[in-house]
């Protein structure tokens, strides 16, 4: 009995225990606040570009290339290490927590740089998301707080990074369950019992904070009217799983191969590469009427909410998903800070809308949702995270079995084309880019 009393006193009265709890819980709340502000700024940047092209759509031919060049220049000069999604940086840090490289990639400067460069890119018409960057800033915030609080690094370092990353997904999408699943499936790659409790509490706190800031219990893509009709739906599962897996796997492989092929030229010819990619994005903007730009939240929400309904104003054309996919690939190849989640979900929604034409009208919304899951899973190859994110974001629980089946099929098909996880491959490419930059600086300094 005395032993248990002493243990309880140690757990609840020990200052180090409370310091640890405050870092995890306070950090999660801070992640939620920063993520909410980030979302507002990103929406403003998206709207600003839409206003520019509403005035004259051909302004994109100037604004987009110049804006992307400026964003890449600032990233290279001031925020080196903030390139790309942010999930590769988090994975690299998890491999060697507490190292100098980890401290560099998860610094507070990266938080500031990630937010500013993503907003600048959205103002310029880039096709990117803020969810991967929010994972990065979540991991960086908790990692930095852990350093300032002098927690026992060996034990807590990995838990802080995992909690911050999961909290970032929860706050970005308002999907706390998906935040936990993503931290386990994509980042930890296993269930970590030591940190599971803290991680779950942190994810929930971050999600609640984002809800309070946004002042509602939002579902990003609204409430879907999708229903389950067993006569057709399983055919839709197979088609959306196969087509989404093929398209997503092809996109990932193109991105991986393109990043590797362009990497040797990014040291000396990066302005030309970024300008060409910017012109491609601008042309796609003109062809799509501006729907290929931005995060894709607006387009995806409209497609999901009114698919199959009469007088729907969300008909963006059969080519919309292809414009969006190409614009996202061109954007990412510039190495600009920005994520893949939202553009992939928007592309998947458009792909599902195209496939829905093959099915009865009453199943249109169901096929749209399955298309989102199929393509998104094909890109990231994390089937559990994919169907949980879409389920929580569309507030639809009737399609759980169909979502799971679609995600599993898409993941298997994608792996036939893209053998490696996109984030693992991009993490390796990021390390190689950083090594190239270091070698270039040495060679310049020796002359």
Protein backbone atom coordinates (compact mmCIF):
# COMPACT_ATOMS: atom_id res chain seq x y z
CA UNK A 1 0.00 0.00 0.00
CA UNK A 2 2.76 2.43 0.94
CA UNK A 3 4.55 1.50 -2.25
CA UNK A 4 1.49 2.49 -4.32
CA UNK A 5 1.08 5.76 -2.40
CA UNK A 6 4.73 6.65 -3.00
CA UNK A 7 4.30 5.80 -6.69
CA UNK A 8 1.21 8.00 -6.99
CA UNK A 9 3.03 10.88 -5.28
CA UNK A 10 5.91 10.44 -7.72
CA UNK A 11 3.57 10.45 -10.71
CA UNK A 12 1.39 13.39 -9.73
CA UNK A 13 3.54 15.54 -7.45
CA UNK A 14 6.92 15.19 -9.12
CA UNK A 15 7.86 18.53 -10.78
CA UNK A 16 9.55 16.79 -13.71
CA UNK A 17 6.33 14.90 -14.44
CA UNK A 18 4.32 18.12 -14.52
CA UNK A 19 6.97 19.78 -16.66
CA UNK A 20 6.73 16.94 -19.14
CA UNK A 21 2.92 17.11 -19.21
CA UNK A 22 2.97 20.86 -19.72
CA UNK A 23 5.34 20.51 -22.66
CA UNK A 24 3.20 17.88 -24.36
CA UNK A 25 -0.18 19.46 -23.60
CA UNK A 26 0.83 23.11 -23.91
CA UNK A 27 2.75 22.32 -27.07
CA UNK A 28 -0.29 20.59 -28.59
CA UNK A 29 -2.47 23.63 -27.85
CA UNK A 30 0.18 25.87 -29.42
CA UNK A 31 0.25 23.63 -32.50
CA UNK A 32 -3.53 23.98 -32.78
CA UNK A 33 -3.30 27.77 -32.55
CA UNK A 34 -0.48 28.06 -35.09
CA UNK A 35 -2.23 25.62 -37.46
CA UNK A 36 -5.45 27.63 -37.27
CA UNK A 37 -3.64 30.90 -38.03
CA UNK A 38 -1.77 29.13 -40.82
CA UNK A 39 -5.10 27.98 -42.31
CA UNK A 40 -6.47 31.53 -42.28
CA UNK A 41 -3.35 32.93 -43.93
CA UNK A 42 -3.36 30.16 -46.55
CA UNK A 43 -7.01 30.84 -47.38
CA UNK A 44 -6.19 34.54 -47.76
CA UNK A 45 -3.31 33.75 -50.13
CA UNK A 46 -5.54 31.46 -52.19
CA UNK A 47 -8.26 34.12 -52.41
CA UNK A 48 -5.76 36.82 -53.37
CA UNK A 49 -4.59 34.86 -56.41
CA UNK A 50 -8.20 34.14 -57.41
CA UNK A 51 -8.87 37.88 -57.33
CA UNK A 52 -5.83 38.52 -59.52
CA UNK A 53 -6.89 36.08 -62.24
CA UNK A 54 -10.52 37.21 -61.96
CA UNK A 55 -9.28 40.62 -63.09
CA UNK A 56 -7.26 39.11 -65.95
CA UNK A 57 -6.52 35.40 -66.23
CA UNK A 58 -3.36 36.05 -68.27
CA UNK A 59 -1.72 37.79 -65.32
CA UNK A 60 -0.92 34.27 -64.12
CA UNK A 61 1.76 34.06 -66.83
CA UNK A 62 3.70 36.74 -64.95
CA UNK A 63 2.61 36.37 -61.31
CA UNK A 64 3.09 32.62 -61.00
CA UNK A 65 6.65 32.19 -62.38
CA UNK A 66 7.95 35.32 -60.62
CA UNK A 67 6.25 34.43 -57.33
CA UNK A 68 7.59 30.87 -57.37
CA UNK A 69 11.12 32.06 -58.15
CA UNK A 70 10.95 34.49 -55.23
CA UNK A 71 9.66 31.79 -52.88
CA UNK A 72 12.38 29.32 -53.89
CA UNK A 73 15.06 32.01 -53.60
CA UNK A 74 14.00 32.95 -50.07
CA UNK A 75 13.79 29.30 -49.08
CA UNK A 76 17.30 28.57 -50.35
CA UNK A 77 18.85 31.69 -48.80
CA UNK A 78 17.04 31.95 -45.47
CA UNK A 79 15.02 28.80 -44.79
CA UNK A 80 17.18 26.03 -46.23
CA UNK A 81 15.71 22.71 -45.12
CA UNK A 82 12.10 23.89 -45.37
CA UNK A 83 11.74 22.66 -48.96
CA UNK A 84 8.86 20.44 -49.99
CA UNK A 85 6.16 18.86 -47.89
CA UNK A 86 7.65 18.80 -44.41
CA UNK A 87 6.82 15.15 -43.80
CA UNK A 88 10.22 14.06 -45.23
CA UNK A 89 11.93 16.42 -42.75
CA UNK A 90 9.95 14.89 -39.89
CA UNK A 91 10.87 11.36 -40.99
CA UNK A 92 14.55 12.31 -41.17
CA UNK A 93 14.38 13.77 -37.65
CA UNK A 94 12.71 10.62 -36.34
CA UNK A 95 15.60 8.52 -37.62
CA UNK A 96 18.09 10.41 -35.45
CA UNK A 97 16.24 12.42 -32.78
CA UNK A 98 18.39 14.89 -30.88
CA UNK A 99 21.07 15.13 -33.58
CA UNK A 100 22.30 18.40 -35.05
CA UNK A 101 20.45 17.62 -38.29
CA UNK A 102 17.25 16.99 -36.33
CA UNK A 103 17.67 20.30 -34.49
CA UNK A 104 18.19 22.12 -37.78
CA UNK A 105 15.21 20.59 -39.57
CA UNK A 106 12.89 21.09 -36.58
CA UNK A 107 13.93 24.59 -35.59
CA UNK A 108 11.48 27.44 -35.00
CA UNK A 109 12.99 29.17 -38.01
CA UNK A 110 11.61 26.31 -40.10
CA UNK A 111 8.16 27.00 -38.63
CA UNK A 112 8.29 30.65 -39.66
CA UNK A 113 9.77 29.85 -43.06
CA UNK A 114 7.26 27.11 -43.82
CA UNK A 115 4.27 29.34 -43.10
CA UNK A 116 5.58 32.39 -44.97
CA UNK A 117 6.72 30.49 -48.06
CA UNK A 118 3.52 28.45 -48.37
CA UNK A 119 1.42 31.61 -48.16
CA UNK A 120 3.65 33.35 -50.71
CA UNK A 121 3.36 30.35 -53.04
CA UNK A 122 -0.45 30.35 -52.74
CA UNK A 123 -0.52 34.08 -53.50
CA UNK A 124 1.42 33.18 -56.67
CA UNK A 125 -0.99 30.45 -57.80
CA UNK A 126 0.94 27.32 -56.78
CA UNK A 127 -0.99 24.07 -56.42
CA UNK A 128 -0.09 22.80 -52.96
CA UNK A 129 -1.47 22.01 -49.52
CA UNK A 130 -0.62 23.08 -45.99
CA UNK A 131 -1.12 19.72 -44.22
CA UNK A 132 2.40 18.36 -44.75
CA UNK A 133 3.86 21.72 -43.68
CA UNK A 134 1.58 21.63 -40.62
CA UNK A 135 3.02 18.23 -39.70
CA UNK A 136 6.48 19.80 -39.99
CA UNK A 137 5.65 22.83 -37.86
CA UNK A 138 3.86 20.65 -35.28
CA UNK A 139 6.89 18.42 -34.88
CA UNK A 140 9.19 21.46 -34.77
CA UNK A 141 7.14 23.24 -32.10
CA UNK A 142 7.06 20.29 -29.69
CA UNK A 143 10.68 19.42 -30.40
CA UNK A 144 11.75 22.99 -29.63
CA UNK A 145 9.66 23.16 -26.46
CA UNK A 146 11.23 19.90 -25.29
CA UNK A 147 14.69 21.39 -25.76
CA UNK A 148 13.81 24.56 -23.86
CA UNK A 149 12.28 22.56 -21.00
CA UNK A 150 15.36 20.26 -20.83
CA UNK A 151 13.35 17.03 -20.91
CA UNK A 152 15.26 13.71 -20.84
CA UNK A 153 16.03 13.73 -24.56
CA UNK A 154 16.61 10.04 -25.16
CA UNK A 155 13.24 9.01 -23.81
CA UNK A 156 10.98 11.86 -24.94
CA UNK A 157 12.52 13.13 -28.17
CA UNK A 158 10.77 10.65 -30.47
CA UNK A 159 7.49 11.01 -28.60
CA UNK A 160 7.58 14.79 -28.98
CA UNK A 161 8.12 14.57 -32.74
CA UNK A 162 5.38 11.96 -33.20
CA UNK A 163 2.92 13.93 -31.06
CA UNK A 164 3.70 17.16 -32.90
CA UNK A 165 3.25 15.53 -36.31
CA UNK A 166 -0.02 13.87 -35.35
CA UNK A 167 -1.27 17.08 -33.75
CA UNK A 168 -0.46 18.90 -36.99
CA UNK A 169 -2.70 16.60 -39.05
CA UNK A 170 -5.48 16.79 -36.45
CA UNK A 171 -5.39 20.59 -36.37
CA UNK A 172 -5.05 20.99 -40.15
CA UNK A 173 -8.02 18.78 -41.03
CA UNK A 174 -9.94 18.66 -37.71
CA UNK A 175 -9.49 14.89 -37.82
CA UNK A 176 -8.10 13.75 -34.44
CA UNK A 177 -8.42 10.04 -35.22
CA UNK A 178 -6.59 10.50 -38.51
CA UNK A 179 -3.86 12.41 -36.67
CA UNK A 180 -3.23 9.43 -34.39
CA UNK A 181 -3.38 6.93 -37.25
CA UNK A 182 -1.03 9.01 -39.41
CA UNK A 183 1.53 9.27 -36.62
CA UNK A 184 1.51 5.49 -36.24
CA UNK A 185 1.16 4.42 -39.89
CA UNK A 186 3.38 6.91 -41.72
CA UNK A 187 5.81 8.30 -39.13
CA UNK A 188 6.30 5.73 -36.38
CA UNK A 189 5.61 2.71 -38.66
CA UNK A 190 4.64 0.81 -35.48
CA UNK A 191 2.58 1.18 -32.33
CA UNK A 192 4.66 2.83 -29.62
CA UNK A 193 3.10 2.08 -26.23
CA UNK A 194 5.44 4.40 -24.34
CA UNK A 195 4.21 7.51 -26.10
CA UNK A 196 0.68 6.51 -27.13
CA UNK A 197 -1.09 8.21 -24.23
CA UNK A 198 0.69 11.53 -24.59
CA UNK A 199 0.28 11.40 -28.36
CA UNK A 200 -3.49 10.86 -28.16
CA UNK A 201 -3.97 13.66 -25.62
CA UNK A 202 -1.82 16.02 -27.69
CA UNK A 203 -3.71 15.24 -30.90
CA UNK A 204 -7.10 15.82 -29.24
CA UNK A 205 -5.95 19.10 -27.67
CA UNK A 206 -4.63 20.39 -30.99
CA UNK A 207 -7.88 19.47 -32.77
CA UNK A 208 -10.01 21.13 -30.08
CA UNK A 209 -7.91 24.29 -30.23
CA UNK A 210 -8.36 24.54 -34.00
CA UNK A 211 -12.13 24.11 -33.60
CA UNK A 212 -12.29 26.90 -31.01
CA UNK A 213 -10.31 29.27 -33.23
CA UNK A 214 -12.52 28.51 -36.24
CA UNK A 215 -15.59 28.78 -33.96
CA UNK A 216 -17.34 25.70 -35.31
CA UNK A 217 -17.06 21.94 -35.56
CA UNK A 218 -16.20 22.15 -39.21
CA UNK A 219 -16.05 19.39 -41.80
CA UNK A 220 -13.73 20.69 -44.49
CA UNK A 221 -15.63 19.03 -47.30
CA UNK A 222 -19.09 19.50 -45.80
CA UNK A 223 -21.56 16.72 -45.10
CA UNK A 224 -21.72 14.21 -47.88
CA UNK A 225 -25.09 12.81 -49.03
CA UNK A 226 -23.39 9.57 -50.08
CA UNK A 227 -25.27 6.38 -49.38
CA UNK A 228 -24.48 2.71 -49.75
CA UNK A 229 -26.29 0.77 -52.50
CA UNK A 230 -24.95 -2.75 -52.62
CA UNK A 231 -26.11 -3.30 -56.19
CA UNK A 232 -23.45 -1.00 -57.67
CA UNK A 233 -21.18 0.18 -54.92
CA UNK A 234 -18.76 -2.76 -54.91
CA UNK A 235 -18.18 -2.28 -58.62
CA UNK A 236 -17.37 1.33 -57.75
CA UNK A 237 -14.96 0.13 -55.05
CA UNK A 238 -13.01 -1.93 -57.56
CA UNK A 239 -12.97 0.73 -60.28
CA UNK A 240 -12.06 3.61 -57.95
CA UNK A 241 -9.44 1.47 -56.20
CA UNK A 242 -7.77 0.38 -59.43
CA UNK A 243 -7.99 3.71 -61.30
CA UNK A 244 -7.11 5.76 -58.22
CA UNK A 245 -4.21 3.48 -57.36
CA UNK A 246 -2.85 3.61 -60.91
CA UNK A 247 -3.14 7.41 -61.16
CA UNK A 248 -1.77 8.03 -57.66
CA UNK A 249 1.10 5.59 -58.09
CA UNK A 250 2.02 7.12 -61.43
CA UNK A 251 1.95 10.62 -59.93
CA UNK A 252 4.22 9.56 -57.06
CA UNK A 253 6.67 7.83 -59.37
CA UNK A 254 6.83 10.86 -61.68
CA UNK A 255 7.45 13.11 -58.68
CA UNK A 256 10.16 10.85 -57.26
CA UNK A 257 11.92 10.36 -60.61
CA UNK A 258 11.57 14.02 -61.57
CA UNK A 259 13.00 15.22 -58.26
CA UNK A 260 15.97 12.87 -58.61
CA UNK A 261 16.66 13.84 -62.23
CA UNK A 262 16.41 17.59 -61.58
CA UNK A 263 18.43 17.57 -58.34
CA UNK A 264 21.90 17.88 -59.98
CA UNK A 265 20.72 20.95 -61.91
CA UNK A 266 19.02 22.70 -58.98
CA UNK A 267 22.34 24.16 -57.77
CA UNK A 268 23.17 26.08 -60.93
CA UNK A 269 20.02 26.26 -63.06
CA UNK A 270 17.28 26.45 -60.47
CA UNK A 271 15.91 29.78 -61.76
CA UNK A 272 15.31 28.30 -65.22
CA UNK A 273 13.71 25.16 -63.77
CA UNK A 274 11.40 27.13 -61.49
CA UNK A 275 10.46 29.57 -64.27
CA UNK A 276 9.52 26.71 -66.62
CA UNK A 277 7.47 25.00 -63.90
CA UNK A 278 5.82 28.32 -63.08
CA UNK A 279 4.83 28.89 -66.72
CA UNK A 280 3.36 25.36 -66.84
CA UNK A 281 1.27 26.07 -63.74
CA UNK A 282 0.14 29.40 -65.24
CA UNK A 283 -0.93 27.74 -68.51
CA UNK A 284 -2.86 25.10 -66.56
CA UNK A 285 -4.48 27.92 -64.61
CA UNK A 286 -5.73 29.51 -67.84
CA UNK A 287 -6.93 26.19 -69.28
CA UNK A 288 -8.77 25.24 -66.09
CA UNK A 289 -10.27 28.64 -65.36
CA UNK A 290 -8.22 28.92 -62.18
CA UNK A 291 -9.37 25.63 -60.63
CA UNK A 292 -5.92 24.01 -60.99
CA UNK A 293 -4.39 26.50 -58.55
CA UNK A 294 -4.42 26.68 -54.77
CA UNK A 295 -5.13 23.98 -52.26
CA UNK A 296 -8.22 22.60 -54.00
CA UNK A 297 -10.39 22.88 -50.88
CA UNK A 298 -13.07 24.93 -52.61
CA UNK A 299 -13.35 22.65 -55.64
CA UNK A 300 -13.29 19.43 -53.59
CA UNK A 301 -15.92 20.69 -51.17
CA UNK A 302 -18.26 21.67 -53.99
CA UNK A 303 -17.79 18.35 -55.78
CA UNK A 304 -18.40 16.29 -52.64
CA UNK A 305 -21.35 18.32 -51.35
CA UNK A 306 -23.47 18.41 -54.48
CA UNK A 307 -22.40 15.46 -56.62
CA UNK A 308 -25.47 13.91 -58.20
CA UNK A 309 -27.73 16.82 -57.21
CA UNK A 310 -29.67 18.93 -59.70
CA UNK A 311 -28.53 22.50 -60.36
CA UNK A 312 -25.03 21.66 -59.13
CA UNK A 313 -22.47 24.36 -59.90
CA UNK A 314 -19.48 22.09 -59.23
CA UNK A 315 -19.06 20.79 -62.77
CA UNK A 316 -15.43 21.70 -63.41
CA UNK A 317 -15.17 19.53 -66.53
CA UNK A 318 -13.68 16.13 -67.29
CA UNK A 319 -10.16 17.55 -67.47
CA UNK A 320 -10.17 19.12 -63.99
CA UNK A 321 -8.39 16.26 -62.15
CA UNK A 322 -5.70 16.06 -64.83
CA UNK A 323 -5.09 19.81 -64.73
CA UNK A 324 -4.84 19.64 -60.94
CA UNK A 325 -2.48 16.66 -60.96
CA UNK A 326 -0.14 18.29 -63.50
CA UNK A 327 -0.17 21.63 -61.66
CA UNK A 328 0.67 19.90 -58.38
CA UNK A 329 3.55 17.97 -59.96
CA UNK A 330 4.97 21.12 -61.58
CA UNK A 331 4.67 23.01 -58.30
CA UNK A 332 6.39 20.34 -56.25
CA UNK A 333 9.29 19.94 -58.68
CA UNK A 334 10.31 23.53 -57.91
CA UNK A 335 11.21 22.34 -54.35
CA UNK A 336 8.95 25.08 -52.97
CA UNK A 337 7.57 24.49 -49.44
CA UNK A 338 4.13 22.93 -49.73
CA UNK A 339 2.24 19.69 -49.21
CA UNK A 340 0.43 17.07 -51.27
CA UNK A 341 -2.56 16.13 -49.12
CA UNK A 342 -5.17 18.73 -50.13
CA UNK A 343 -4.30 18.79 -53.87
CA UNK A 344 -4.39 14.97 -53.91
CA UNK A 345 -7.82 14.91 -52.25
CA UNK A 346 -9.09 17.53 -54.72
CA UNK A 347 -7.65 15.57 -57.67
CA UNK A 348 -9.25 12.41 -56.31
CA UNK A 349 -12.62 14.15 -55.98
CA UNK A 350 -12.39 15.27 -59.60
CA UNK A 351 -11.38 11.79 -60.70
CA UNK A 352 -14.32 10.35 -58.77
CA UNK A 353 -16.67 12.85 -60.43
CA UNK A 354 -15.46 11.64 -63.83
CA UNK A 355 -15.92 7.99 -62.86
CA UNK A 356 -19.39 8.75 -61.45
CA UNK A 357 -20.60 9.30 -65.00
CA UNK A 358 -20.40 5.52 -65.44
CA UNK A 359 -22.84 4.91 -62.56
CA UNK A 360 -26.45 5.76 -61.70
CA UNK A 361 -26.94 9.38 -60.67
CA UNK A 362 -27.92 8.52 -57.10
CA UNK A 363 -24.47 6.97 -56.57
CA UNK A 364 -22.51 10.02 -57.76
CA UNK A 365 -21.54 11.26 -54.29
CA UNK A 366 -20.51 7.75 -53.22
CA UNK A 367 -18.22 7.37 -56.23
CA UNK A 368 -16.73 10.82 -55.63
CA UNK A 369 -15.76 9.86 -52.07
CA UNK A 370 -14.34 6.51 -53.19
CA UNK A 371 -12.40 8.32 -55.92
CA UNK A 372 -10.88 10.65 -53.32
CA UNK A 373 -9.76 7.71 -51.22
CA UNK A 374 -8.47 5.74 -54.19
CA UNK A 375 -6.28 8.49 -55.58
CA UNK A 376 -5.11 9.81 -52.22
CA UNK A 377 -4.12 6.30 -51.12
CA UNK A 378 -2.35 5.76 -54.42
CA UNK A 379 -0.21 8.83 -53.76
CA UNK A 380 0.69 8.37 -50.08
CA UNK A 381 0.26 4.55 -49.78
CA UNK A 382 -1.15 4.82 -46.24
CA UNK A 383 -4.57 3.18 -46.65
CA UNK A 384 -5.77 3.45 -43.04
CA UNK A 385 -4.92 7.15 -42.81
CA UNK A 386 -6.58 7.80 -46.18
CA UNK A 387 -9.98 6.34 -45.42
CA UNK A 388 -10.03 7.74 -41.88
CA UNK A 389 -9.23 11.27 -43.11
CA UNK A 390 -11.96 11.18 -45.77
CA UNK A 391 -14.47 9.58 -43.40
CA UNK A 392 -13.92 12.29 -40.78
CA UNK A 393 -13.79 15.14 -43.29
CA UNK A 394 -17.02 14.19 -45.08
CA UNK A 395 -18.88 13.19 -41.90
CA UNK A 396 -19.97 9.94 -43.54
CA UNK A 397 -19.84 6.64 -41.68
CA UNK A 398 -22.11 4.54 -43.89
CA UNK A 399 -19.34 3.90 -46.39
CA UNK A 400 -16.70 2.68 -43.94
CA UNK A 401 -16.39 -0.84 -45.40
CA UNK A 402 -16.38 0.47 -48.97
CA UNK A 403 -13.77 3.10 -48.04
CA UNK A 404 -11.53 0.50 -46.43
CA UNK A 405 -11.79 -1.83 -49.42
CA UNK A 406 -11.06 0.98 -51.88
CA UNK A 407 -8.02 2.11 -49.89
CA UNK A 408 -6.60 -1.42 -49.70
CA UNK A 409 -7.05 -2.02 -53.45
CA UNK A 410 -5.56 1.37 -54.33
CA UNK A 411 -2.56 0.81 -52.07
CA UNK A 412 -1.82 -2.56 -53.64
CA UNK A 413 -2.17 -1.25 -57.20
CA UNK A 414 -0.05 1.83 -56.46
CA UNK A 415 2.81 -0.29 -55.14
CA UNK A 416 2.96 -2.11 -58.48
CA UNK A 417 3.97 1.19 -60.09
CA UNK A 418 5.71 3.07 -57.27
CA UNK A 419 7.71 0.58 -55.21
CA UNK A 420 8.67 3.02 -52.46
CA UNK A 421 6.71 5.33 -50.23
CA UNK A 422 6.83 8.81 -51.73
CA UNK A 423 7.84 10.40 -48.43
CA UNK A 424 10.73 7.98 -47.89
CA UNK A 425 12.03 8.66 -51.39
CA UNK A 426 11.62 12.43 -51.04
CA UNK A 427 13.40 12.31 -47.67
CA UNK A 428 16.42 10.70 -49.34
CA UNK A 429 16.31 13.29 -52.12
CA UNK A 430 16.16 16.11 -49.56
CA UNK A 431 19.25 14.78 -47.79
CA UNK A 432 21.04 14.59 -51.15
CA UNK A 433 20.00 18.18 -51.94
CA UNK A 434 21.35 19.39 -48.61
CA UNK A 435 24.61 17.53 -49.23
CA UNK A 436 24.88 19.11 -52.72
CA UNK A 437 24.35 22.57 -51.25
CA UNK A 438 26.99 21.95 -48.56
CA UNK A 439 29.51 20.75 -51.15
CA UNK A 440 28.79 23.76 -53.37
CA UNK A 441 29.39 26.16 -50.48
CA UNK A 442 32.68 24.42 -49.68
CA UNK A 443 33.84 24.64 -53.27
CA UNK A 444 32.90 28.34 -53.46
CA UNK A 445 34.68 29.05 -50.16
CA UNK A 446 37.87 27.30 -51.29
CA UNK A 447 38.21 29.44 -54.43
